[in-house]
C-alpha atoms as a PDB file:
ATOM      1  CA  MET A   1     -14.270   0.506   6.912  1.00  0.00           C
ATOM      2  CA  PRO A   2     -13.952  -2.786   8.844  1.00  0.00           C
ATOM      3  CA  GLY A   3     -12.331  -2.478  12.254  1.00  0.00           C
ATOM      4  CA  ILE A   4     -13.932   0.901  13.043  1.00  0.00           C
ATOM      5  CA  GLU A   5     -17.049   0.959  15.220  1.00  0.00           C
ATOM      6  CA  LYS A   6     -20.298   0.946  13.279  1.00  0.00           C
ATOM      7  CA  GLY A   7     -21.278   4.416  12.102  1.00  0.00           C
ATOM      8  CA  HIS A   8     -18.228   6.128  13.596  1.00  0.00           C
ATOM      9  CA  ILE A   9     -16.242   8.528  11.422  1.00  0.00           C
ATOM     10  CA  GLY A  10     -12.453   8.389  11.209  1.00  0.00           C
ATOM     11  CA  LEU A  11     -10.223  10.911   9.463  1.00  0.00           C
ATOM     12  CA  ARG A  12      -7.010  12.854   9.905  1.00  0.00           C
ATOM     13  CA  HIS A  13      -4.997  15.787   8.623  1.00  0.00           C
ATOM     14  CA  GLY A  14      -2.193  15.029   6.184  1.00  0.00           C
ATOM     15  CA  PRO A  15      -1.144  11.579   4.903  1.00  0.00           C
ATOM     16  CA  THR A  16      -4.035   9.157   5.329  1.00  0.00           C
ATOM     17  CA  LEU A  17      -3.396   6.326   2.856  1.00  0.00           C
ATOM     18  CA  ALA A  18      -0.110   5.204   1.351  1.00  0.00           C
ATOM     19  CA  ALA A  19       1.382   5.471  -2.101  1.00  0.00           C
ATOM     20  CA  SER A  20       0.845   2.101  -3.779  1.00  0.00           C
ATOM     21  CA  ASP A  21       3.544   0.825  -6.151  1.00  0.00           C
ATOM     22  CA  ARG A  22       4.401  -2.506  -7.755  1.00  0.00           C
ATOM     23  CA  TRP A  23       7.772  -4.063  -8.474  1.00  0.00           C
ATOM     24  CA  THR A  24       9.025  -7.064 -10.439  1.00  0.00           C
ATOM     25  CA  ALA A  25      12.342  -8.811 -10.961  1.00  0.00           C
ATOM     26  CA  LEU A  26      13.046 -11.540 -13.518  1.00  0.00           C
ATOM     27  CA  PHE A  27      16.360 -13.247 -12.720  1.00  0.00           C
ATOM     28  CA  LYS A  28      17.961 -15.097 -15.626  1.00  0.00           C
ATOM     29  CA  GLY A  29      20.674 -17.742 -15.694  1.00  0.00           C
ATOM     30  CA  SER A  30      21.519 -20.734 -17.817  1.00  0.00           C
ATOM     31  CA  GLY A  31      19.749 -23.241 -15.615  1.00  0.00           C
ATOM     32  CA  GLY A  32      20.927 -26.818 -15.652  1.00  0.00           C
ATOM     33  CA  HIS A  33      20.653 -30.189 -13.996  1.00  0.00           C
ATOM     34  CA  GLY A  34      20.192 -30.264 -10.238  1.00  0.00           C
ATOM     35  CA  SER A  35      22.903 -32.894  -9.871  1.00  0.00           C
ATOM     36  CA  MET A  36      25.499 -30.697 -11.607  1.00  0.00           C
ATOM     37  CA  PRO A  37      24.806 -27.069 -10.580  1.00  0.00           C
ATOM     38  CA  HIS A  38      28.441 -26.105 -11.176  1.00  0.00           C
ATOM     39  CA  GLN A  39      27.928 -26.458 -14.920  1.00  0.00           C
ATOM     40  CA  GLY A  40      25.487 -23.569 -15.142  1.00  0.00           C
ATOM     41  CA  THR A  41      24.290 -20.404 -13.452  1.00  0.00           C
ATOM     42  CA  ASP A  42      21.421 -20.775 -11.009  1.00  0.00           C
ATOM     43  CA  PRO A  43      18.951 -17.837 -10.882  1.00  0.00           C
ATOM     44  CA  THR A  44      17.174 -19.254  -7.834  1.00  0.00           C
ATOM     45  CA  MET A  45      20.077 -18.127  -5.635  1.00  0.00           C
ATOM     46  CA  PRO A  46      19.963 -14.389  -6.458  1.00  0.00           C
ATOM     47  CA  ALA A  47      16.151 -14.480  -6.437  1.00  0.00           C
ATOM     48  CA  ALA A  48      16.152 -15.954  -2.932  1.00  0.00           C
ATOM     49  CA  GLN A  49      18.775 -13.541  -1.625  1.00  0.00           C
ATOM     50  CA  PHE A  50      17.001 -10.594  -3.238  1.00  0.00           C
ATOM     51  CA  THR A  51      13.709 -11.552  -1.593  1.00  0.00           C
ATOM     52  CA  ILE A  52      15.326 -11.539   1.844  1.00  0.00           C
ATOM     53  CA  ALA A  53      17.527  -8.494   1.209  1.00  0.00           C
ATOM     54  CA  LEU A  54      14.501  -6.406   0.212  1.00  0.00           C
ATOM     55  CA  GLN A  55      13.509  -6.128   3.862  1.00  0.00           C
ATOM     56  CA  THR A  56      16.752  -4.315   4.668  1.00  0.00           C
ATOM     57  CA  ILE A  57      15.472  -1.378   2.603  1.00  0.00           C
ATOM     58  CA  VAL A  58      12.898  -0.875   5.346  1.00  0.00           C
ATOM     59  CA  SER A  59      15.038  -1.884   8.333  1.00  0.00           C
ATOM     60  CA  ARG A  60      18.381  -0.339   7.315  1.00  0.00           C
ATOM     61  CA  ASN A  61      17.789   2.347   4.666  1.00  0.00           C
ATOM     62  CA  THR A  62      14.532   3.970   5.787  1.00  0.00           C
ATOM     63  CA  ASP A  63      14.394   6.414   8.693  1.00  0.00           C
ATOM     64  CA  PRO A  64      12.807   4.558  11.648  1.00  0.00           C
ATOM     65  CA  LEU A  65      10.372   7.466  12.059  1.00  0.00           C
ATOM     66  CA  ASP A  66       9.084   7.007   8.505  1.00  0.00           C
ATOM     67  CA  THR A  67       6.828   4.219   7.280  1.00  0.00           C
ATOM     68  CA  ALA A  68       7.647   1.833   4.446  1.00  0.00           C
ATOM     69  CA  VAL A  69       6.386  -1.596   3.442  1.00  0.00           C
ATOM     70  CA  ILE A  70       7.796  -3.951   0.814  1.00  0.00           C
ATOM     71  CA  SER A  71       6.030  -7.274   0.365  1.00  0.00           C
ATOM     72  CA  LEU A  72       6.530 -10.213  -1.970  1.00  0.00           C
ATOM     73  CA  GLY A  73       3.275 -11.226  -3.617  1.00  0.00           C
ATOM     74  CA  HIS A  74       4.328 -13.683  -6.323  1.00  0.00           C
ATOM     75  CA  ILE A  75       7.192 -16.020  -7.120  1.00  0.00           C
ATOM     76  CA  ALA A  76       7.379 -18.428 -10.057  1.00  0.00           C
ATOM     77  CA  ALA A  77      10.065 -20.733 -11.406  1.00  0.00           C
ATOM     78  CA  GLY A  78      10.633 -24.183 -12.791  1.00  0.00           C
ATOM     79  CA  ASP A  79       8.316 -27.116 -13.334  1.00  0.00           C
ATOM     80  CA  LYS A  80       6.681 -29.025 -10.478  1.00  0.00           C
ATOM     81  CA  GLY A  81       7.024 -32.168 -12.573  1.00  0.00           C
ATOM     82  CA  ALA A  82      10.786 -31.759 -13.035  1.00  0.00           C
ATOM     83  CA  LEU A  83      12.230 -31.167  -9.584  1.00  0.00           C
ATOM     84  CA  ASN A  84      15.734 -32.183 -10.664  1.00  0.00           C
ATOM     85  CA  ILE A  85      16.007 -29.270 -13.101  1.00  0.00           C
ATOM     86  CA  ILE A  86      17.440 -25.877 -12.154  1.00  0.00           C
ATOM     87  CA  PRO A  87      15.258 -23.296 -13.931  1.00  0.00           C
ATOM     88  CA  SER A  88      16.749 -20.702 -16.230  1.00  0.00           C
ATOM     89  CA  GLU A  89      14.437 -17.950 -14.968  1.00  0.00           C
ATOM     90  CA  VAL A  90      12.884 -16.947 -11.653  1.00  0.00           C
ATOM     91  CA  PHE A  91      10.206 -14.267 -11.426  1.00  0.00           C
ATOM     92  CA  VAL A  92       9.399 -12.404  -8.220  1.00  0.00           C
ATOM     93  CA  GLY A  93       7.064  -9.473  -7.757  1.00  0.00           C
ATOM     94  CA  GLY A  94       5.200  -7.571  -5.111  1.00  0.00           C
ATOM     95  CA  THR A  95       4.039  -4.265  -3.704  1.00  0.00           C
ATOM     96  CA  ALA A  96       5.679  -1.277  -2.017  1.00  0.00           C
ATOM     97  CA  ARG A  97       3.935   1.278   0.201  1.00  0.00           C
ATOM     98  CA  SER A  98       5.048   4.637   1.585  1.00  0.00           C
ATOM     99  CA  PHE A  99       3.650   7.965   2.759  1.00  0.00           C
ATOM    100  CA  LYS A 100       6.439  10.394   1.856  1.00  0.00           C
ATOM    101  CA  PRO A 101       7.845  11.106  -1.634  1.00  0.00           C
ATOM    102  CA  HIS A 102      11.483  10.797  -0.550  1.00  0.00           C
ATOM    103  CA  VAL A 103      10.810   7.366   0.973  1.00  0.00           C
ATOM    104  CA  ARG A 104       9.128   6.291  -2.246  1.00  0.00           C
ATOM    105  CA  GLU A 105      12.146   7.396  -4.279  1.00  0.00           C
ATOM    106  CA  LEU A 106      14.491   5.633  -1.866  1.00  0.00           C
ATOM    107  CA  MET A 107      12.641   2.330  -2.188  1.00  0.00           C
ATOM    108  CA  GLU A 108      12.661   2.495  -5.977  1.00  0.00           C
ATOM    109  CA  ARG A 109      16.370   3.297  -6.176  1.00  0.00           C
ATOM    110  CA  ARG A 110      17.490   0.713  -3.638  1.00  0.00           C
ATOM    111  CA  LEU A 111      15.270  -2.053  -5.012  1.00  0.00           C
ATOM    112  CA  LEU A 112      16.568  -1.665  -8.560  1.00  0.00           C
ATOM    113  CA  ASP A 113      20.198  -1.339  -7.439  1.00  0.00           C
ATOM    114  CA  MET A 114      19.864  -4.353  -5.170  1.00  0.00           C
ATOM    115  CA  ALA A 115      18.384  -6.536  -7.909  1.00  0.00           C
ATOM    116  CA  ALA A 116      21.190  -5.672 -10.328  1.00  0.00           C
ATOM    117  CA  SER A 117      24.040  -6.130  -7.845  1.00  0.00           C
ATOM    118  CA  ILE A 118      22.775  -9.431  -6.416  1.00  0.00           C
ATOM    119  CA  ALA A 119      22.188 -10.843  -9.898  1.00  0.00           C
ATOM    120  CA  ALA A 120      25.694  -9.835 -10.986  1.00  0.00           C
ATOM    121  CA  ALA A 121      27.241 -11.402  -7.888  1.00  0.00           C
ATOM    122  CA  HIS A 122      25.805 -14.754  -8.981  1.00  0.00           C
ATOM    123  CA  GLY A 123      26.734 -14.436 -12.640  1.00  0.00           C
ATOM    124  CA  CYS A 124      23.121 -13.882 -13.647  1.00  0.00           C
ATOM    125  CA  THR A 125      21.181 -11.048 -15.233  1.00  0.00           C
ATOM    126  CA  VAL A 126      17.947  -9.421 -14.122  1.00  0.00           C
ATOM    127  CA  GLU A 127      15.129  -7.397 -15.624  1.00  0.00           C
ATOM    128  CA  ALA A 128      13.759  -5.324 -12.747  1.00  0.00           C
ATOM    129  CA  THR A 129      10.944  -2.776 -12.763  1.00  0.00           C
ATOM    130  CA  TYR A 130       9.407  -0.399 -10.246  1.00  0.00           C
ATOM    131  CA  THR A 131       6.059   1.022 -11.334  1.00  0.00           C
ATOM    132  CA  LYS A 132       4.509   3.887  -9.406  1.00  0.00           C
ATOM    133  CA  GLY A 133       0.776   3.571  -8.897  1.00  0.00           C
ATOM    134  CA  TYR A 134      -1.432   5.681  -6.660  1.00  0.00           C
ATOM    135  CA  PRO A 135       0.337   8.493  -4.807  1.00  0.00           C
ATOM    136  CA  ALA A 136      -0.225   8.904  -1.076  1.00  0.00           C
ATOM    137  CA  THR A 137      -3.673  10.199  -0.105  1.00  0.00           C
ATOM    138  CA  VAL A 138      -2.944  13.476   1.690  1.00  0.00           C
ATOM    139  CA  ASN A 139      -5.828  15.414   3.256  1.00  0.00           C
ATOM    140  CA  TRP A 140      -5.811  19.207   3.171  1.00  0.00           C
ATOM    141  CA  LYS A 141      -6.006  20.992   6.527  1.00  0.00           C
ATOM    142  CA  GLU A 142      -8.901  23.391   5.885  1.00  0.00           C
ATOM    143  CA  GLN A 143     -11.078  20.775   4.206  1.00  0.00           C
ATOM    144  CA  THR A 144     -10.330  18.268   6.963  1.00  0.00           C
ATOM    145  CA  ASP A 145     -11.354  20.793   9.616  1.00  0.00           C
ATOM    146  CA  ILE A 146     -14.631  21.295   7.731  1.00  0.00           C
ATOM    147  CA  ALA A 147     -15.184  17.532   7.478  1.00  0.00           C
ATOM    148  CA  ILE A 148     -14.507  17.063  11.200  1.00  0.00           C
ATOM    149  CA  ALA A 149     -17.066  19.742  12.090  1.00  0.00           C
ATOM    150  CA  ALA A 150     -19.671  18.208   9.762  1.00  0.00           C
ATOM    151  CA  ALA A 151     -19.085  14.713  11.147  1.00  0.00           C
ATOM    152  CA  ARG A 152     -19.425  15.921  14.737  1.00  0.00           C
ATOM    153  CA  ALA A 153     -22.676  17.673  13.880  1.00  0.00           C
ATOM    154  CA  ALA A 154     -23.976  14.539  12.157  1.00  0.00           C
ATOM    155  CA  VAL A 155     -23.057  11.736  14.566  1.00  0.00           C
ATOM    156  CA  GLY A 156     -21.824  13.465  17.715  1.00  0.00           C
ATOM    157  CA  GLU A 157     -18.324  14.245  18.917  1.00  0.00           C
ATOM    158  CA  ALA A 158     -17.939  10.896  20.699  1.00  0.00           C
ATOM    159  CA  LYS A 159     -18.254   9.046  17.396  1.00  0.00           C
ATOM    160  CA  VAL A 160     -15.636  11.055  15.506  1.00  0.00           C
ATOM    161  CA  ASP A 161     -11.927  10.221  15.580  1.00  0.00           C
ATOM    162  CA  PRO A 162     -10.016  13.188  14.096  1.00  0.00           C
ATOM    163  CA  ASN A 163      -6.652  11.468  14.613  1.00  0.00           C
ATOM    164  CA  LEU A 164      -7.152   8.162  12.842  1.00  0.00           C
ATOM    165  CA  ASN A 165      -3.888   6.326  12.276  1.00  0.00           C
ATOM    166  CA  PRO A 166      -2.703   6.331   8.642  1.00  0.00           C
ATOM    167  CA  LEU A 167      -3.419   3.126   6.736  1.00  0.00           C
ATOM    168  CA  PRO A 168      -0.982   1.482   4.271  1.00  0.00           C
ATOM    169  CA  GLY A 169      -3.728   0.792   1.741  1.00  0.00           C
ATOM    170  CA  GLY A 170      -3.824   2.747  -1.524  1.00  0.00           C
ATOM    171  CA  GLU A 171      -6.614   4.883  -2.987  1.00  0.00           C
ATOM    172  CA  ASP A 172      -7.098   6.511  -6.395  1.00  0.00           C
ATOM    173  CA  PHE A 173      -8.847   9.469  -4.718  1.00  0.00           C
ATOM    174  CA  SER A 174      -5.269  10.583  -4.059  1.00  0.00           C
ATOM    175  CA  PHE A 175      -5.072  11.855  -7.648  1.00  0.00           C
ATOM    176  CA  PHE A 176      -7.961  14.252  -6.960  1.00  0.00           C
ATOM    177  CA  LEU A 177      -6.299  15.517  -3.788  1.00  0.00           C
ATOM    178  CA  GLU A 178      -3.164  16.352  -5.765  1.00  0.00           C
ATOM    179  CA  LYS A 179      -5.239  18.758  -7.872  1.00  0.00           C
ATOM    180  CA  VAL A 180      -8.133  19.897  -5.671  1.00  0.00           C
ATOM    181  CA  PRO A 181      -8.305  20.571  -1.908  1.00  0.00           C
ATOM    182  CA  GLY A 182     -10.283  17.891  -0.111  1.00  0.00           C
ATOM    183  CA  CYS A 183     -10.495  15.285   2.621  1.00  0.00           C
ATOM    184  CA  TYR A 184     -10.801  11.494   2.543  1.00  0.00           C
ATOM    185  CA  ALA A 185     -12.670  10.066   5.537  1.00  0.00           C
ATOM    186  CA  PHE A 186     -13.793   6.622   6.692  1.00  0.00           C
ATOM    187  CA  ILE A 187     -17.107   5.450   8.084  1.00  0.00           C
ATOM    188  CA  GLY A 188     -16.947   2.449  10.381  1.00  0.00           C
ATOM    189  CA  ASN A 189     -18.422  -0.815   9.116  1.00  0.00           C
ATOM    190  CA  GLY A 190     -18.285  -2.354  12.598  1.00  0.00           C
ATOM    191  CA  LEU A 191     -15.798  -4.244  14.738  1.00  0.00           C
ATOM    192  CA  GLU A 192     -17.206  -7.648  13.799  1.00  0.00           C
ATOM    193  CA  GLY A 193     -15.329  -9.186  10.906  1.00  0.00           C
ATOM    194  CA  GLY A 194     -12.531  -6.648  11.225  1.00  0.00           C
ATOM    195  CA  ASP A 195     -10.154  -9.171   9.694  1.00  0.00           C
ATOM    196  CA  GLN A 196     -12.173  -9.022   6.467  1.00  0.00           C
ATOM    197  CA  PHE A 197     -10.791  -5.940   4.752  1.00  0.00           C
ATOM    198  CA  VAL A 198     -12.611  -4.229   1.887  1.00  0.00           C
ATOM    199  CA  HIS A 199     -11.076  -6.502  -0.781  1.00  0.00           C
ATOM    200  CA  ALA A 200     -11.486  -9.718   1.195  1.00  0.00           C
ATOM    201  CA  PRO A 201     -13.837 -12.394  -0.205  1.00  0.00           C
ATOM    202  CA  ARG A 202     -16.091 -12.327   2.874  1.00  0.00           C
ATOM    203  CA  TYR A 203     -16.299  -8.544   3.235  1.00  0.00           C
ATOM    204  CA  ASP A 204     -19.900  -7.529   3.969  1.00  0.00           C
ATOM    205  CA  PHE A 205     -20.958  -3.884   3.718  1.00  0.00           C
ATOM    206  CA  ASN A 206     -23.084  -2.845   6.693  1.00  0.00           C
ATOM    207  CA  ASP A 207     -26.241  -1.162   5.365  1.00  0.00           C
ATOM    208  CA  GLU A 208     -26.937   0.313   8.809  1.00  0.00           C
ATOM    209  CA  ILE A 209     -24.161   2.881   8.374  1.00  0.00           C
ATOM    210  CA  ILE A 210     -25.669   4.513   5.279  1.00  0.00           C
ATOM    211  CA  ALA A 211     -27.739   7.001   7.300  1.00  0.00           C
ATOM    212  CA  ASN A 212     -24.668   8.287   9.144  1.00  0.00           C
ATOM    213  CA  GLY A 213     -22.813   8.734   5.886  1.00  0.00           C
ATOM    214  CA  VAL A 214     -25.687  10.690   4.353  1.00  0.00           C
ATOM    215  CA  SER A 215     -25.979  12.819   7.499  1.00  0.00           C
ATOM    216  CA  CYS A 216     -22.337  13.857   7.194  1.00  0.00           C
ATOM    217  CA  TRP A 217     -22.943  15.116   3.659  1.00  0.00           C
ATOM    218  CA  VAL A 218     -26.105  16.937   4.754  1.00  0.00           C
ATOM    219  CA  GLU A 219     -24.229  18.705   7.556  1.00  0.00           C
ATOM    220  CA  ARG A 220     -21.436  19.568   5.156  1.00  0.00           C
ATOM    221  CA  ALA A 221     -23.967  21.186   2.807  1.00  0.00           C
ATOM    222  CA  ARG A 222     -25.661  23.025   5.676  1.00  0.00           C
ATOM    223  CA  GLY A 223     -22.360  24.412   6.833  1.00  0.00           C
ATOM    224  CA  GLU A 224     -21.494  25.687   3.366  1.00  0.00           C
ATOM    225  CA  LEU A 225     -24.927  27.267   2.879  1.00  0.00           C
ATOM    226  CA  ALA A 226     -24.749  28.960   6.279  1.00  0.00           C
ATOM    227  CA  LYS A 227     -21.333  30.358   5.428  1.00  0.00           C
ATOM    228  CA  ARG A 228     -22.565  31.768   2.123  1.00  0.00           C
ATOM    229  CA  GLN A 229     -25.700  33.268   3.671  1.00  0.00           C
ATOM    230  CA  GLY A 230     -23.879  34.682   6.663  1.00  0.00           C
END
């Protein structure tokens, strides 16, 4: 993981990575000529207001002690070669992140309600969706305790952070943790290039950390064997 010291191990009990959802909203109006906007319905207005209003779900609807993120990732409308034309459709879409189920439900409900009400206020219609993706990655207590002990045995206590801050990224390992007890941990890729996250085009895996990762698994196996033999 970029941003964590090379070969260090970071993990935590409970929510570790966020639920990762996607949302879309297609605002529809009649469009028209830019010189005579009063003769039609303009979907750019509700789309713009919706984009700004989305942030109030986090700032005004979500408990300040909870974490929520809603980001716009795509917006499309009109023709760059016809700047005097009001488009008949505007598409916006993005991502939503949360750690708690009730926050996830809140964001879905408020986003869909907000899209419908803002569209109606402007005499437009909207087709809005909220699609749930990965659930939050939630580590189990017993398995996390075991992983912490194995990591300390492998790399030393000074190189293990058992209280790593949760990250708003998403991870499909979360589906396993919903069914089977386990723990998701990070191994540090180094502080250099910390701005290049794992999906960034210049991300470079540090081969020097492989030995520490293998050592953690070896210590985990040793601990389990000792427990069974003891």
